[in-house]
N, C-alpha and C. Protein backbone atom coordinates (compact mmCIF):
# COMPACT_ATOMS: atom_id res chain seq x y z
N MET A 1 48.99 -54.18 -9.79
CA MET A 1 49.15 -53.55 -11.06
C MET A 1 47.78 -53.45 -11.74
N LYS A 2 47.44 -52.20 -12.17
CA LYS A 2 46.15 -51.98 -12.82
C LYS A 2 46.30 -52.23 -14.31
N LYS A 3 45.40 -53.04 -14.87
CA LYS A 3 45.40 -53.29 -16.30
C LYS A 3 44.00 -53.05 -16.84
N ASN A 4 43.93 -52.70 -18.10
CA ASN A 4 42.66 -52.47 -18.79
C ASN A 4 41.80 -51.42 -18.11
N VAL A 5 42.43 -50.37 -17.60
CA VAL A 5 41.69 -49.27 -16.99
C VAL A 5 41.31 -48.31 -18.11
N PHE A 6 40.02 -48.03 -18.22
CA PHE A 6 39.52 -47.21 -19.31
C PHE A 6 39.26 -45.79 -18.82
N GLY A 7 39.60 -44.80 -19.63
CA GLY A 7 39.25 -43.41 -19.34
C GLY A 7 40.37 -42.66 -18.65
N ARG A 8 40.11 -41.37 -18.46
CA ARG A 8 41.09 -40.50 -17.82
C ARG A 8 40.59 -40.09 -16.45
N LYS A 9 41.49 -40.02 -15.48
CA LYS A 9 41.10 -39.65 -14.12
C LYS A 9 41.02 -38.14 -13.94
N LEU A 10 41.92 -37.39 -14.56
CA LEU A 10 41.97 -35.93 -14.46
C LEU A 10 42.09 -35.45 -13.01
N LYS A 11 42.76 -36.24 -12.18
CA LYS A 11 43.01 -35.91 -10.76
C LYS A 11 41.71 -35.65 -10.00
N ARG A 12 40.67 -36.42 -10.29
CA ARG A 12 39.38 -36.28 -9.62
C ARG A 12 38.87 -37.66 -9.25
N ASP A 13 38.01 -37.68 -8.22
CA ASP A 13 37.39 -38.96 -7.90
C ASP A 13 36.21 -39.19 -8.86
N ALA A 14 35.56 -40.33 -8.75
CA ALA A 14 34.57 -40.74 -9.74
C ALA A 14 33.40 -39.76 -9.84
N ASN A 15 32.90 -39.29 -8.70
CA ASN A 15 31.74 -38.38 -8.73
C ASN A 15 32.10 -37.03 -9.34
N GLU A 16 33.27 -36.52 -9.00
CA GLU A 16 33.70 -35.25 -9.58
C GLU A 16 33.89 -35.38 -11.09
N ARG A 17 34.43 -36.50 -11.53
CA ARG A 17 34.65 -36.74 -12.95
C ARG A 17 33.32 -36.82 -13.71
N LYS A 18 32.35 -37.52 -13.14
CA LYS A 18 31.03 -37.62 -13.78
C LYS A 18 30.38 -36.25 -13.90
N ALA A 19 30.47 -35.46 -12.84
CA ALA A 19 29.88 -34.12 -12.86
C ALA A 19 30.60 -33.23 -13.87
N LEU A 20 31.93 -33.33 -13.93
CA LEU A 20 32.71 -32.55 -14.88
C LEU A 20 32.33 -32.91 -16.31
N PHE A 21 32.25 -34.18 -16.62
CA PHE A 21 31.91 -34.61 -17.97
C PHE A 21 30.49 -34.19 -18.34
N LYS A 22 29.57 -34.30 -17.38
CA LYS A 22 28.18 -33.90 -17.64
C LYS A 22 28.11 -32.41 -17.96
N ASN A 23 28.83 -31.59 -17.19
CA ASN A 23 28.82 -30.15 -17.43
C ASN A 23 29.51 -29.79 -18.74
N LEU A 24 30.62 -30.43 -19.06
CA LEU A 24 31.30 -30.15 -20.32
C LEU A 24 30.45 -30.55 -21.52
N LEU A 25 29.82 -31.71 -21.43
CA LEU A 25 28.98 -32.17 -22.54
C LEU A 25 27.75 -31.27 -22.72
N THR A 26 27.16 -30.84 -21.61
CA THR A 26 26.01 -29.94 -21.68
C THR A 26 26.42 -28.62 -22.33
N SER A 27 27.57 -28.09 -21.92
CA SER A 27 28.05 -26.84 -22.51
C SER A 27 28.34 -27.01 -23.99
N LEU A 28 28.91 -28.13 -24.37
CA LEU A 28 29.21 -28.38 -25.77
C LEU A 28 27.94 -28.44 -26.61
N VAL A 29 26.92 -29.09 -26.10
CA VAL A 29 25.66 -29.20 -26.85
C VAL A 29 24.99 -27.84 -26.97
N LEU A 30 24.93 -27.09 -25.88
CA LEU A 30 24.22 -25.81 -25.90
C LEU A 30 25.01 -24.72 -26.62
N GLU A 31 26.31 -24.64 -26.40
CA GLU A 31 27.13 -23.58 -26.99
C GLU A 31 27.69 -23.96 -28.35
N GLU A 32 27.77 -25.25 -28.64
CA GLU A 32 28.28 -25.83 -29.88
C GLU A 32 29.79 -25.68 -30.05
N ARG A 33 30.47 -25.04 -29.13
CA ARG A 33 31.94 -24.92 -29.16
C ARG A 33 32.40 -24.51 -27.77
N ILE A 34 33.35 -25.27 -27.20
CA ILE A 34 33.91 -24.90 -25.91
C ILE A 34 35.43 -24.99 -25.97
N THR A 35 36.07 -24.20 -25.13
CA THR A 35 37.52 -24.22 -25.03
C THR A 35 37.89 -24.65 -23.62
N THR A 36 38.71 -25.69 -23.52
CA THR A 36 39.15 -26.21 -22.23
C THR A 36 40.50 -26.88 -22.43
N SER A 37 40.98 -27.58 -21.42
CA SER A 37 42.30 -28.21 -21.54
C SER A 37 42.25 -29.34 -22.56
N LEU A 38 43.39 -29.64 -23.12
CA LEU A 38 43.47 -30.68 -24.16
C LEU A 38 43.06 -32.05 -23.62
N ALA A 39 43.45 -32.34 -22.38
CA ALA A 39 43.10 -33.64 -21.78
C ALA A 39 41.58 -33.78 -21.62
N LYS A 40 40.91 -32.70 -21.21
CA LYS A 40 39.46 -32.76 -21.04
C LYS A 40 38.75 -32.91 -22.38
N THR A 41 39.24 -32.22 -23.40
CA THR A 41 38.59 -32.35 -24.70
C THR A 41 38.73 -33.75 -25.25
N LYS A 42 39.91 -34.35 -25.07
CA LYS A 42 40.10 -35.73 -25.53
C LYS A 42 39.25 -36.70 -24.73
N ALA A 43 39.03 -36.38 -23.46
CA ALA A 43 38.23 -37.27 -22.60
C ALA A 43 36.75 -37.26 -22.97
N ILE A 44 36.22 -36.11 -23.42
CA ILE A 44 34.77 -36.04 -23.70
C ILE A 44 34.43 -36.26 -25.17
N LYS A 45 35.43 -36.35 -26.04
CA LYS A 45 35.15 -36.50 -27.47
C LYS A 45 34.32 -37.75 -27.77
N GLY A 46 34.70 -38.88 -27.20
CA GLY A 46 33.95 -40.11 -27.43
C GLY A 46 32.55 -40.05 -26.87
N ALA A 47 32.42 -39.45 -25.70
CA ALA A 47 31.10 -39.33 -25.07
C ALA A 47 30.19 -38.42 -25.89
N ALA A 48 30.75 -37.35 -26.45
CA ALA A 48 29.94 -36.44 -27.27
C ALA A 48 29.45 -37.15 -28.52
N ASP A 49 30.31 -37.95 -29.14
CA ASP A 49 29.89 -38.69 -30.33
C ASP A 49 28.79 -39.70 -29.99
N LYS A 50 28.90 -40.32 -28.84
CA LYS A 50 27.88 -41.29 -28.42
C LYS A 50 26.55 -40.60 -28.14
N LEU A 51 26.58 -39.37 -27.64
CA LEU A 51 25.34 -38.63 -27.41
C LEU A 51 24.59 -38.42 -28.73
N VAL A 52 25.30 -38.02 -29.75
CA VAL A 52 24.66 -37.78 -31.04
C VAL A 52 24.10 -39.08 -31.62
N THR A 53 24.84 -40.17 -31.46
CA THR A 53 24.36 -41.46 -31.96
C THR A 53 23.07 -41.87 -31.27
N LYS A 54 23.01 -41.67 -29.94
CA LYS A 54 21.78 -41.98 -29.21
C LYS A 54 20.64 -41.08 -29.65
N ALA A 55 20.93 -39.80 -29.86
CA ALA A 55 19.88 -38.85 -30.27
C ALA A 55 19.35 -39.20 -31.66
N LYS A 56 20.20 -39.71 -32.53
CA LYS A 56 19.76 -40.09 -33.87
C LYS A 56 18.79 -41.25 -33.84
N LYS A 57 18.92 -42.15 -32.85
CA LYS A 57 17.99 -43.28 -32.75
C LYS A 57 16.60 -42.80 -32.42
N GLY A 58 16.50 -41.75 -31.60
CA GLY A 58 15.22 -41.16 -31.25
C GLY A 58 14.42 -42.05 -30.32
N GLY A 59 13.20 -41.65 -30.04
CA GLY A 59 12.32 -42.43 -29.19
C GLY A 59 12.47 -42.09 -27.72
N GLN A 60 11.59 -42.68 -26.93
CA GLN A 60 11.55 -42.42 -25.49
C GLN A 60 12.77 -43.00 -24.77
N ALA A 61 13.24 -44.15 -25.19
CA ALA A 61 14.40 -44.77 -24.55
C ALA A 61 15.65 -43.92 -24.73
N ALA A 62 15.83 -43.37 -25.92
CA ALA A 62 16.98 -42.50 -26.18
C ALA A 62 16.88 -41.23 -25.36
N TYR A 63 15.67 -40.70 -25.25
CA TYR A 63 15.45 -39.48 -24.46
C TYR A 63 15.85 -39.71 -23.01
N ARG A 64 15.43 -40.83 -22.45
CA ARG A 64 15.73 -41.12 -21.04
C ARG A 64 17.22 -41.38 -20.82
N SER A 65 17.86 -42.07 -21.73
CA SER A 65 19.29 -42.32 -21.56
C SER A 65 20.10 -41.03 -21.73
N LEU A 66 19.64 -40.14 -22.57
CA LEU A 66 20.32 -38.85 -22.72
C LEU A 66 20.11 -37.96 -21.50
N GLU A 67 18.95 -38.05 -20.88
CA GLU A 67 18.66 -37.27 -19.66
C GLU A 67 19.66 -37.58 -18.56
N ALA A 68 20.15 -38.81 -18.51
CA ALA A 68 21.10 -39.20 -17.47
C ALA A 68 22.48 -38.59 -17.71
N GLU A 69 22.78 -38.23 -18.96
CA GLU A 69 24.13 -37.76 -19.29
C GLU A 69 24.24 -36.26 -19.44
N VAL A 70 23.18 -35.57 -19.84
CA VAL A 70 23.19 -34.11 -19.96
C VAL A 70 21.87 -33.57 -19.43
N ASN A 71 21.78 -32.24 -19.24
CA ASN A 71 20.55 -31.69 -18.69
C ASN A 71 19.44 -31.61 -19.74
N HIS A 72 18.25 -31.22 -19.31
CA HIS A 72 17.06 -31.29 -20.15
C HIS A 72 17.17 -30.42 -21.40
N ASN A 73 17.66 -29.18 -21.25
CA ASN A 73 17.76 -28.28 -22.40
C ASN A 73 18.68 -28.86 -23.47
N ALA A 74 19.77 -29.49 -23.03
CA ALA A 74 20.70 -30.10 -23.97
C ALA A 74 20.08 -31.30 -24.67
N VAL A 75 19.26 -32.07 -23.97
CA VAL A 75 18.59 -33.23 -24.58
C VAL A 75 17.64 -32.76 -25.68
N VAL A 76 16.90 -31.71 -25.41
CA VAL A 76 15.96 -31.19 -26.41
C VAL A 76 16.72 -30.72 -27.64
N LYS A 77 17.83 -30.01 -27.43
CA LYS A 77 18.62 -29.53 -28.57
C LYS A 77 19.26 -30.69 -29.33
N LEU A 78 19.71 -31.71 -28.60
CA LEU A 78 20.30 -32.88 -29.26
C LEU A 78 19.29 -33.53 -30.20
N ILE A 79 18.09 -33.78 -29.71
CA ILE A 79 17.09 -34.51 -30.49
C ILE A 79 16.52 -33.64 -31.61
N ASP A 80 16.24 -32.37 -31.31
CA ASP A 80 15.58 -31.51 -32.30
C ASP A 80 16.53 -30.90 -33.32
N ASP A 81 17.76 -30.59 -32.91
CA ASP A 81 18.65 -29.83 -33.77
C ASP A 81 19.85 -30.64 -34.27
N LEU A 82 20.58 -31.27 -33.36
CA LEU A 82 21.82 -31.93 -33.74
C LEU A 82 21.60 -33.26 -34.47
N ALA A 83 20.64 -34.05 -34.03
CA ALA A 83 20.40 -35.35 -34.68
C ALA A 83 20.03 -35.19 -36.16
N PRO A 84 19.11 -34.29 -36.52
CA PRO A 84 18.83 -34.11 -37.96
C PRO A 84 20.03 -33.57 -38.74
N ARG A 85 20.86 -32.75 -38.09
CA ARG A 85 22.02 -32.18 -38.76
C ARG A 85 23.02 -33.27 -39.16
N PHE A 86 23.15 -34.30 -38.31
CA PHE A 86 24.11 -35.37 -38.57
C PHE A 86 23.44 -36.64 -39.10
N ALA A 87 22.29 -36.51 -39.72
CA ALA A 87 21.55 -37.69 -40.19
C ALA A 87 22.33 -38.48 -41.24
N ASN A 88 23.08 -37.81 -42.08
CA ASN A 88 23.81 -38.49 -43.16
C ASN A 88 25.21 -38.93 -42.75
N ARG A 89 25.64 -38.60 -41.57
CA ARG A 89 26.99 -38.91 -41.11
C ARG A 89 26.94 -40.09 -40.16
N THR A 90 27.88 -41.01 -40.29
CA THR A 90 27.87 -42.22 -39.44
C THR A 90 28.75 -42.11 -38.20
N GLY A 91 29.59 -41.13 -38.13
CA GLY A 91 30.45 -40.96 -36.96
C GLY A 91 31.34 -39.76 -37.15
N GLY A 92 32.18 -39.48 -36.16
CA GLY A 92 33.09 -38.34 -36.26
C GLY A 92 32.36 -37.03 -36.22
N TYR A 93 31.54 -36.83 -35.19
CA TYR A 93 30.70 -35.64 -35.12
C TYR A 93 31.43 -34.42 -34.55
N THR A 94 32.55 -34.64 -33.88
CA THR A 94 33.27 -33.54 -33.23
C THR A 94 34.67 -33.41 -33.81
N ARG A 95 35.24 -32.21 -33.64
CA ARG A 95 36.62 -31.99 -34.02
C ARG A 95 37.32 -31.25 -32.88
N ILE A 96 38.59 -31.58 -32.68
CA ILE A 96 39.40 -30.92 -31.65
C ILE A 96 40.44 -30.06 -32.36
N ILE A 97 40.48 -28.79 -31.99
CA ILE A 97 41.45 -27.85 -32.54
C ILE A 97 42.32 -27.34 -31.40
N LYS A 98 43.63 -27.54 -31.52
CA LYS A 98 44.55 -27.07 -30.49
C LYS A 98 44.66 -25.56 -30.58
N VAL A 99 44.50 -24.89 -29.42
CA VAL A 99 44.49 -23.44 -29.37
C VAL A 99 45.85 -22.88 -28.99
N GLY A 100 46.53 -23.54 -28.09
CA GLY A 100 47.83 -23.06 -27.61
C GLY A 100 47.97 -23.35 -26.14
N LYS A 101 48.80 -22.57 -25.48
CA LYS A 101 49.04 -22.75 -24.05
C LYS A 101 48.28 -21.70 -23.25
N ARG A 102 47.78 -22.10 -22.10
CA ARG A 102 47.11 -21.20 -21.18
C ARG A 102 48.16 -20.35 -20.47
N VAL A 103 47.90 -19.07 -20.29
CA VAL A 103 48.87 -18.17 -19.70
C VAL A 103 49.11 -18.50 -18.23
N ALA A 104 48.06 -18.80 -17.51
CA ALA A 104 48.17 -18.97 -16.05
C ALA A 104 49.05 -20.15 -15.66
N ASP A 105 48.82 -21.31 -16.25
CA ASP A 105 49.55 -22.50 -15.82
C ASP A 105 50.27 -23.23 -16.96
N ASN A 106 50.28 -22.64 -18.15
CA ASN A 106 51.00 -23.18 -19.31
C ASN A 106 50.50 -24.56 -19.73
N SER A 107 49.24 -24.86 -19.46
CA SER A 107 48.69 -26.14 -19.91
C SER A 107 48.15 -25.99 -21.33
N SER A 108 48.14 -27.07 -22.06
CA SER A 108 47.66 -27.05 -23.45
C SER A 108 46.15 -26.86 -23.47
N GLU A 109 45.69 -25.90 -24.27
CA GLU A 109 44.26 -25.67 -24.41
C GLU A 109 43.82 -26.14 -25.78
N ALA A 110 42.57 -26.58 -25.86
CA ALA A 110 42.01 -27.01 -27.13
C ALA A 110 40.54 -26.63 -27.19
N MET A 111 40.04 -26.52 -28.41
CA MET A 111 38.64 -26.19 -28.63
C MET A 111 37.99 -27.41 -29.25
N ILE A 112 36.83 -27.79 -28.73
CA ILE A 112 36.07 -28.89 -29.31
C ILE A 112 34.77 -28.32 -29.84
N GLU A 113 34.43 -28.73 -31.06
CA GLU A 113 33.23 -28.20 -31.70
C GLU A 113 32.62 -29.26 -32.59
N TRP A 114 31.38 -29.02 -33.02
CA TRP A 114 30.70 -29.94 -33.93
C TRP A 114 31.26 -29.74 -35.32
N VAL A 115 31.35 -30.81 -36.08
CA VAL A 115 31.92 -30.76 -37.41
C VAL A 115 31.03 -29.97 -38.36
N GLU A 116 29.72 -30.20 -38.30
CA GLU A 116 28.79 -29.50 -39.17
C GLU A 116 28.17 -28.33 -38.42
N LYS A 117 28.22 -27.18 -39.05
CA LYS A 117 27.69 -25.96 -38.44
C LYS A 117 26.20 -25.82 -38.75
N VAL A 118 25.57 -24.87 -38.06
CA VAL A 118 24.16 -24.57 -38.30
C VAL A 118 24.05 -23.84 -39.63
N ALA A 119 23.12 -24.26 -40.46
CA ALA A 119 22.90 -23.59 -41.74
C ALA A 119 22.18 -22.27 -41.47
N VAL A 120 22.74 -21.18 -41.98
CA VAL A 120 22.14 -19.86 -41.78
C VAL A 120 21.08 -19.66 -42.85
N LYS A 121 19.88 -19.33 -42.41
CA LYS A 121 18.78 -19.13 -43.33
C LYS A 121 18.51 -17.63 -43.46
N ALA A 122 18.40 -17.16 -44.68
CA ALA A 122 18.06 -15.76 -44.93
C ALA A 122 16.55 -15.63 -44.88
N THR A 123 16.07 -14.88 -43.92
CA THR A 123 14.63 -14.71 -43.77
C THR A 123 14.28 -13.24 -43.85
N ALA A 124 13.00 -12.97 -43.84
CA ALA A 124 12.52 -11.60 -43.88
C ALA A 124 12.83 -10.87 -42.56
N GLU A 125 13.06 -11.64 -41.50
CA GLU A 125 13.32 -11.03 -40.20
C GLU A 125 14.70 -10.38 -40.13
N THR A 126 15.62 -10.76 -41.02
CA THR A 126 16.97 -10.25 -40.97
C THR A 126 17.18 -9.04 -41.87
N LYS A 127 16.14 -8.28 -42.11
CA LYS A 127 16.24 -7.09 -42.94
C LYS A 127 17.06 -6.02 -42.23
N VAL A 128 17.64 -5.15 -43.04
CA VAL A 128 18.41 -4.04 -42.49
C VAL A 128 17.43 -3.01 -41.95
N PRO A 129 17.67 -2.51 -40.72
CA PRO A 129 16.74 -1.53 -40.16
C PRO A 129 16.74 -0.24 -40.97
N LYS A 130 15.59 0.42 -40.99
CA LYS A 130 15.44 1.67 -41.74
C LYS A 130 16.21 2.79 -41.05
N ALA A 131 16.63 3.74 -41.85
CA ALA A 131 17.35 4.89 -41.31
C ALA A 131 16.37 5.75 -40.51
N LYS A 132 16.84 6.22 -39.38
CA LYS A 132 15.98 7.02 -38.52
C LYS A 132 15.98 8.47 -39.00
N LYS A 133 14.84 9.12 -38.82
CA LYS A 133 14.75 10.53 -39.15
C LYS A 133 15.42 11.34 -38.05
N GLU A 134 16.13 12.34 -38.47
CA GLU A 134 16.79 13.18 -37.49
C GLU A 134 15.84 14.29 -37.05
N VAL A 135 15.81 14.51 -35.75
CA VAL A 135 14.99 15.56 -35.18
C VAL A 135 15.92 16.55 -34.51
N LYS A 136 15.82 17.79 -34.92
CA LYS A 136 16.67 18.81 -34.33
C LYS A 136 16.12 19.18 -32.96
N LYS A 137 17.03 19.24 -32.00
CA LYS A 137 16.62 19.64 -30.66
C LYS A 137 16.64 21.16 -30.57
N VAL A 138 15.63 21.68 -29.93
CA VAL A 138 15.50 23.12 -29.79
C VAL A 138 15.69 23.46 -28.32
N SER A 139 16.54 24.44 -28.03
CA SER A 139 16.79 24.82 -26.64
C SER A 139 15.56 25.50 -26.06
N SER A 140 15.52 25.58 -24.75
CA SER A 140 14.34 26.15 -24.08
C SER A 140 14.20 27.64 -24.37
N SER A 141 15.28 28.36 -24.51
CA SER A 141 15.18 29.80 -24.80
C SER A 141 14.68 30.02 -26.22
N ALA A 142 15.06 29.16 -27.15
CA ALA A 142 14.60 29.28 -28.53
C ALA A 142 13.13 28.94 -28.63
N LYS A 143 12.67 28.02 -27.79
CA LYS A 143 11.24 27.67 -27.80
C LYS A 143 10.39 28.87 -27.42
N ALA A 144 10.86 29.60 -26.47
CA ALA A 144 10.09 30.75 -25.99
C ALA A 144 10.01 31.83 -27.07
N THR A 145 11.05 31.98 -27.86
CA THR A 145 11.06 33.04 -28.85
C THR A 145 10.35 32.66 -30.14
N LYS A 146 10.33 31.39 -30.48
CA LYS A 146 9.68 30.97 -31.73
C LYS A 146 8.18 30.94 -31.56
N ASP A 147 7.51 31.00 -32.66
CA ASP A 147 6.06 30.98 -32.60
C ASP A 147 5.53 29.57 -32.39
N LYS A 148 4.23 29.47 -32.16
CA LYS A 148 3.60 28.19 -31.84
C LYS A 148 3.68 27.19 -32.98
N GLU A 149 3.63 27.64 -34.19
CA GLU A 149 3.60 26.73 -35.33
C GLU A 149 4.87 25.89 -35.42
N SER A 150 6.01 26.49 -35.21
CA SER A 150 7.26 25.73 -35.32
C SER A 150 7.37 24.67 -34.21
N THR A 151 6.91 25.01 -33.00
CA THR A 151 6.97 24.03 -31.92
C THR A 151 5.99 22.89 -32.17
N MET A 152 4.86 23.18 -32.79
CA MET A 152 3.90 22.13 -33.10
C MET A 152 4.46 21.19 -34.17
N LYS A 153 5.22 21.71 -35.12
CA LYS A 153 5.83 20.87 -36.15
C LYS A 153 6.86 19.92 -35.54
N VAL A 154 7.64 20.44 -34.60
CA VAL A 154 8.65 19.60 -33.94
C VAL A 154 7.97 18.48 -33.16
N GLU A 155 6.89 18.79 -32.44
CA GLU A 155 6.16 17.76 -31.69
C GLU A 155 5.55 16.73 -32.62
N LYS A 156 5.08 17.15 -33.76
CA LYS A 156 4.49 16.24 -34.73
C LYS A 156 5.54 15.26 -35.27
N VAL A 157 6.72 15.77 -35.57
CA VAL A 157 7.81 14.92 -36.06
C VAL A 157 8.22 13.92 -34.98
N LYS A 158 8.28 14.37 -33.73
CA LYS A 158 8.63 13.48 -32.62
C LYS A 158 7.62 12.35 -32.50
N LYS A 159 6.36 12.64 -32.63
CA LYS A 159 5.33 11.62 -32.55
C LYS A 159 5.47 10.61 -33.69
N GLU A 160 5.80 11.08 -34.88
CA GLU A 160 5.98 10.19 -36.02
C GLU A 160 7.17 9.24 -35.79
N VAL A 161 8.23 9.78 -35.22
CA VAL A 161 9.41 8.96 -34.94
C VAL A 161 9.08 7.90 -33.91
N LYS A 162 8.32 8.25 -32.88
CA LYS A 162 7.92 7.29 -31.86
C LYS A 162 7.05 6.18 -32.47
N LYS A 163 6.17 6.55 -33.38
CA LYS A 163 5.32 5.55 -34.03
C LYS A 163 6.15 4.58 -34.85
N GLU A 164 7.16 5.08 -35.54
CA GLU A 164 8.03 4.23 -36.34
C GLU A 164 8.85 3.29 -35.48
N LYS A 165 9.28 3.77 -34.31
CA LYS A 165 10.04 2.92 -33.39
C LYS A 165 9.18 1.78 -32.88
N LYS A 166 7.93 2.03 -32.64
CA LYS A 166 7.02 0.98 -32.14
C LYS A 166 6.79 -0.11 -33.19
N LYS A 167 6.83 0.29 -34.46
CA LYS A 167 6.62 -0.68 -35.54
C LYS A 167 7.80 -1.59 -35.59
């Protein structure tokens, strides 16, 4: 009789489970929201919270211990982005939202995401693009009949539009 067995097996052996959790946690850190089965979301919730706690401690030791659990890009995002975001929070970094049933196999699906979202900053880079000037296209037969001046004006306008696009 097995007693005090911790964690969920998810019908996988130990290596498959470790790889699954590592991939799910990496996706959660990079994408900030993932949708998967309810059992998997409940299984990684505690591990995701522990990742943020380690990242908040900072330092080389935290970096190395995080490297063992998620890939390098996720570690950088954890330390640079997520740890400062949760600086004032002591726990409960993730939330699970039940989505419904999956069509294929009728299993319960859930979405896991970070509790605090990224603050959107209004910068000069998010300006509305300028309206483009309209250039009338002239058919080849009309070009032959019109005089040189009108064709030169059309070419001049085209050049101006190209210059504006480059800016």
